[in-house]
PDB file of all heavy atoms in Angstrom:
ATOM      1  N   ALA A   1      -8.138  23.974 -24.217  1.00  0.00           N
ATOM      2  CA  ALA A   1      -9.140  23.054 -23.678  1.00  0.00           C
ATOM      3  C   ALA A   1      -8.586  22.465 -22.399  1.00  0.00           C
ATOM      4  O   ALA A   1      -7.439  22.030 -22.344  1.00  0.00           O
ATOM      5  CB  ALA A   1      -9.448  21.960 -24.687  1.00  0.00           C
ATOM      6  N   SER A   2      -9.387  22.486 -21.359  1.00  0.00           N
ATOM      7  CA  SER A   2      -8.969  21.969 -20.065  1.00  0.00           C
ATOM      8  C   SER A   2      -8.879  20.455 -20.116  1.00  0.00           C
ATOM      9  O   SER A   2      -9.772  19.786 -20.621  1.00  0.00           O
ATOM     10  CB  SER A   2      -9.952  22.394 -18.987  1.00  0.00           C
ATOM     11  OG  SER A   2      -9.587  21.845 -17.747  1.00  0.00           O
ATOM     12  N   VAL A   3      -7.785  19.937 -19.596  1.00  0.00           N
ATOM     13  CA  VAL A   3      -7.626  18.495 -19.522  1.00  0.00           C
ATOM     14  C   VAL A   3      -8.315  18.042 -18.248  1.00  0.00           C
ATOM     15  O   VAL A   3      -7.940  18.439 -17.156  1.00  0.00           O
ATOM     16  CB  VAL A   3      -6.132  18.110 -19.491  1.00  0.00           C
ATOM     17  CG1 VAL A   3      -5.980  16.617 -19.360  1.00  0.00           C
ATOM     18  CG2 VAL A   3      -5.425  18.633 -20.712  1.00  0.00           C
ATOM     19  N   GLY A   4      -9.356  17.250 -18.390  1.00  0.00           N
ATOM     20  CA  GLY A   4     -10.105  16.770 -17.229  1.00  0.00           C
ATOM     21  C   GLY A   4      -9.248  15.857 -16.387  1.00  0.00           C
ATOM     22  O   GLY A   4      -8.499  15.031 -16.897  1.00  0.00           O
ATOM     23  N   ALA A   5      -9.326  16.039 -15.108  1.00  0.00           N
ATOM     24  CA  ALA A   5      -8.573  15.185 -14.196  1.00  0.00           C
ATOM     25  C   ALA A   5      -9.167  13.783 -14.245  1.00  0.00           C
ATOM     26  O   ALA A   5     -10.376  13.600 -14.135  1.00  0.00           O
ATOM     27  CB  ALA A   5      -8.632  15.736 -12.781  1.00  0.00           C
ATOM     28  N   VAL A   6      -8.321  12.823 -14.421  1.00  0.00           N
ATOM     29  CA  VAL A   6      -8.776  11.443 -14.464  1.00  0.00           C
ATOM     30  C   VAL A   6      -8.937  10.972 -13.032  1.00  0.00           C
ATOM     31  O   VAL A   6      -7.989  10.937 -12.264  1.00  0.00           O
ATOM     32  CB  VAL A   6      -7.754  10.557 -15.211  1.00  0.00           C
ATOM     33  CG1 VAL A   6      -8.195   9.116 -15.193  1.00  0.00           C
ATOM     34  CG2 VAL A   6      -7.560  11.055 -16.620  1.00  0.00           C
ATOM     35  N   LYS A   7     -10.173  10.647 -12.662  1.00  0.00           N
ATOM     36  CA  LYS A   7     -10.434  10.208 -11.302  1.00  0.00           C
ATOM     37  C   LYS A   7     -10.279   8.707 -11.219  1.00  0.00           C
ATOM     38  O   LYS A   7     -10.792   7.969 -12.059  1.00  0.00           O
ATOM     39  CB  LYS A   7     -11.843  10.604 -10.866  1.00  0.00           C
ATOM     40  CG  LYS A   7     -12.009  12.096 -10.715  1.00  0.00           C
ATOM     41  CD  LYS A   7     -13.361  12.413 -10.132  1.00  0.00           C
ATOM     42  CE  LYS A   7     -13.500  13.902  -9.910  1.00  0.00           C
ATOM     43  NZ  LYS A   7     -14.752  14.236  -9.265  1.00  0.00           N
ATOM     44  N   LYS A   8      -9.554   8.286 -10.202  1.00  0.00           N
ATOM     45  CA  LYS A   8      -9.408   6.857  -9.959  1.00  0.00           C
ATOM     46  C   LYS A   8     -10.624   6.392  -9.178  1.00  0.00           C
ATOM     47  O   LYS A   8     -11.108   7.103  -8.301  1.00  0.00           O
ATOM     48  CB  LYS A   8      -8.147   6.579  -9.138  1.00  0.00           C
ATOM     49  CG  LYS A   8      -6.868   6.926  -9.875  1.00  0.00           C
ATOM     50  CD  LYS A   8      -5.674   6.603  -9.018  1.00  0.00           C
ATOM     51  CE  LYS A   8      -4.393   6.993  -9.703  1.00  0.00           C
ATOM     52  NZ  LYS A   8      -3.224   6.736  -8.857  1.00  0.00           N
ATOM     53  N   PRO A   9     -11.115   5.208  -9.474  1.00  0.00           N
ATOM     54  CA  PRO A   9     -12.249   4.714  -8.690  1.00  0.00           C
ATOM     55  C   PRO A   9     -11.821   4.496  -7.249  1.00  0.00           C
ATOM     56  O   PRO A   9     -10.699   4.063  -6.973  1.00  0.00           O
ATOM     57  CB  PRO A   9     -12.622   3.399  -9.377  1.00  0.00           C
ATOM     58  CG  PRO A   9     -11.430   3.013 -10.180  1.00  0.00           C
ATOM     59  CD  PRO A   9     -10.680   4.278 -10.483  1.00  0.00           C
ATOM     60  N   LYS A  10     -12.724   4.831  -6.330  1.00  0.00           N
ATOM     61  CA  LYS A  10     -12.415   4.666  -4.915  1.00  0.00           C
ATOM     62  C   LYS A  10     -12.396   3.189  -4.567  1.00  0.00           C
ATOM     63  O   LYS A  10     -13.228   2.419  -5.038  1.00  0.00           O
ATOM     64  CB  LYS A  10     -13.447   5.393  -4.054  1.00  0.00           C
ATOM     65  CG  LYS A  10     -13.358   6.892  -4.173  1.00  0.00           C
ATOM     66  CD  LYS A  10     -14.297   7.560  -3.198  1.00  0.00           C
ATOM     67  CE  LYS A  10     -14.147   9.063  -3.281  1.00  0.00           C
ATOM     68  NZ  LYS A  10     -14.965   9.740  -2.296  1.00  0.00           N
ATOM     69  N   LYS A  11     -11.440   2.821  -3.744  1.00  0.00           N
ATOM     70  CA  LYS A  11     -11.349   1.439  -3.291  1.00  0.00           C
ATOM     71  C   LYS A  11     -12.147   1.301  -2.010  1.00  0.00           C
ATOM     72  O   LYS A  11     -12.143   2.189  -1.165  1.00  0.00           O
ATOM     73  CB  LYS A  11      -9.893   1.054  -3.031  1.00  0.00           C
ATOM     74  CG  LYS A  11      -9.051   1.059  -4.291  1.00  0.00           C
ATOM     75  CD  LYS A  11      -7.640   0.639  -3.982  1.00  0.00           C
ATOM     76  CE  LYS A  11      -6.788   0.659  -5.228  1.00  0.00           C
ATOM     77  NZ  LYS A  11      -5.405   0.299  -4.957  1.00  0.00           N
ATOM     78  N   ALA A  12     -12.814   0.195  -1.869  1.00  0.00           N
ATOM     79  CA  ALA A  12     -13.581  -0.054  -0.653  1.00  0.00           C
ATOM     80  C   ALA A  12     -12.610  -0.336   0.483  1.00  0.00           C
ATOM     81  O   ALA A  12     -11.596  -1.005   0.307  1.00  0.00           O
ATOM     82  CB  ALA A  12     -14.517  -1.238  -0.863  1.00  0.00           C
ATOM     83  N   ALA A  13     -12.927   0.171   1.666  1.00  0.00           N
ATOM     84  CA  ALA A  13     -12.090  -0.072   2.831  1.00  0.00           C
ATOM     85  C   ALA A  13     -12.220  -1.532   3.237  1.00  0.00           C
ATOM     86  O   ALA A  13     -13.297  -2.112   3.188  1.00  0.00           O
ATOM     87  CB  ALA A  13     -12.509   0.835   3.982  1.00  0.00           C
ATOM     88  N   SER A  14     -11.103  -2.112   3.629  1.00  0.00           N
ATOM     89  CA  SER A  14     -11.172  -3.519   4.030  1.00  0.00           C
ATOM     90  C   SER A  14     -11.772  -3.613   5.416  1.00  0.00           C
ATOM     91  O   SER A  14     -11.465  -2.825   6.298  1.00  0.00           O
ATOM     92  CB  SER A  14      -9.776  -4.137   4.012  1.00  0.00           C
ATOM     93  OG  SER A  14      -8.973  -3.568   5.015  1.00  0.00           O
ATOM     94  N   SER A  15     -12.672  -4.571   5.586  1.00  0.00           N
ATOM     95  CA  SER A  15     -13.332  -4.720   6.878  1.00  0.00           C
ATOM     96  C   SER A  15     -12.657  -5.793   7.713  1.00  0.00           C
ATOM     97  O   SER A  15     -13.144  -6.143   8.771  1.00  0.00           O
ATOM     98  CB  SER A  15     -14.811  -5.068   6.664  1.00  0.00           C
ATOM     99  OG  SER A  15     -14.910  -6.261   5.916  1.00  0.00           O
ATOM    100  N   GLY A  16     -11.562  -6.311   7.231  1.00  0.00           N
ATOM    101  CA  GLY A  16     -10.845  -7.349   7.976  1.00  0.00           C
ATOM    102  C   GLY A  16     -10.170  -6.779   9.202  1.00  0.00           C
ATOM    103  O   GLY A  16     -10.026  -5.578   9.365  1.00  0.00           O
ATOM    104  N   GLY A  17      -9.731  -7.627  10.067  1.00  0.00           N
ATOM    105  CA  GLY A  17      -9.073  -7.176  11.288  1.00  0.00           C
ATOM    106  C   GLY A  17      -7.657  -6.718  11.022  1.00  0.00           C
ATOM    107  O   GLY A  17      -7.133  -6.803   9.929  1.00  0.00           O
ATOM    108  N   GLY A  18      -7.030  -6.223  12.046  1.00  0.00           N
ATOM    109  CA  GLY A  18      -5.631  -5.817  11.946  1.00  0.00           C
ATOM    110  C   GLY A  18      -5.477  -4.571  11.109  1.00  0.00           C
ATOM    111  O   GLY A  18      -6.374  -3.779  10.941  1.00  0.00           O
ATOM    112  N   GLY A  19      -4.293  -4.441  10.531  1.00  0.00           N
ATOM    113  CA  GLY A  19      -4.015  -3.257   9.736  1.00  0.00           C
ATOM    114  C   GLY A  19      -4.473  -3.430   8.303  1.00  0.00           C
ATOM    115  O   GLY A  19      -4.292  -4.473   7.703  1.00  0.00           O
ATOM    116  N   ALA A  20      -5.057  -2.419   7.766  1.00  0.00           N
ATOM    117  CA  ALA A  20      -5.470  -2.441   6.364  1.00  0.00           C
ATOM    118  C   ALA A  20      -4.234  -2.238   5.506  1.00  0.00           C
ATOM    119  O   ALA A  20      -3.266  -1.612   5.940  1.00  0.00           O
ATOM    120  CB  ALA A  20      -6.476  -1.326   6.112  1.00  0.00           C
ATOM    121  N   PRO A  21      -4.223  -2.747   4.297  1.00  0.00           N
ATOM    122  CA  PRO A  21      -3.073  -2.525   3.436  1.00  0.00           C
ATOM    123  C   PRO A  21      -2.901  -1.029   3.171  1.00  0.00           C
ATOM    124  O   PRO A  21      -3.868  -0.284   3.090  1.00  0.00           O
ATOM    125  CB  PRO A  21      -3.416  -3.282   2.153  1.00  0.00           C
ATOM    126  CG  PRO A  21      -4.870  -3.575   2.210  1.00  0.00           C
ATOM    127  CD  PRO A  21      -5.261  -3.537   3.648  1.00  0.00           C
ATOM    128  N   ALA A  22      -1.663  -0.623   3.056  1.00  0.00           N
ATOM    129  CA  ALA A  22      -1.369   0.798   2.869  1.00  0.00           C
ATOM    130  C   ALA A  22      -1.932   1.265   1.528  1.00  0.00           C
ATOM    131  O   ALA A  22      -1.851   0.579   0.531  1.00  0.00           O
ATOM    132  CB  ALA A  22       0.135   1.032   2.912  1.00  0.00           C
ATOM    133  N   ALA A  23      -2.545   2.472   1.537  1.00  0.00           N
ATOM    134  CA  ALA A  23      -3.096   3.042   0.311  1.00  0.00           C
ATOM    135  C   ALA A  23      -1.951   3.464  -0.600  1.00  0.00           C
ATOM    136  O   ALA A  23      -0.841   3.721  -0.149  1.00  0.00           O
ATOM    137  CB  ALA A  23      -3.979   4.240   0.649  1.00  0.00           C
ATOM    138  N   GLU A  24      -2.244   3.553  -1.902  1.00  0.00           N
ATOM    139  CA  GLU A  24      -1.232   3.964  -2.859  1.00  0.00           C
ATOM    140  C   GLU A  24      -0.685   5.332  -2.512  1.00  0.00           C
ATOM    141  O   GLU A  24      -1.414   6.243  -2.200  1.00  0.00           O
ATOM    142  CB  GLU A  24      -1.856   4.037  -4.254  1.00  0.00           C
ATOM    143  CG  GLU A  24      -1.702   2.777  -5.035  1.00  0.00           C
ATOM    144  CD  GLU A  24      -2.236   2.946  -6.440  1.00  0.00           C
ATOM    145  OE1 GLU A  24      -1.857   3.913  -7.126  1.00  0.00           O
ATOM    146  OE2 GLU A  24      -3.034   2.101  -6.833  1.00  0.00           O
TER     147      GLU A  24
END
């Protein structure tokens, strides 16, 4: 039986100024 890939929920992009926090 194939083990389904567990999808992580997408994080919304930050709309704040400057640099966005680094993605995991």
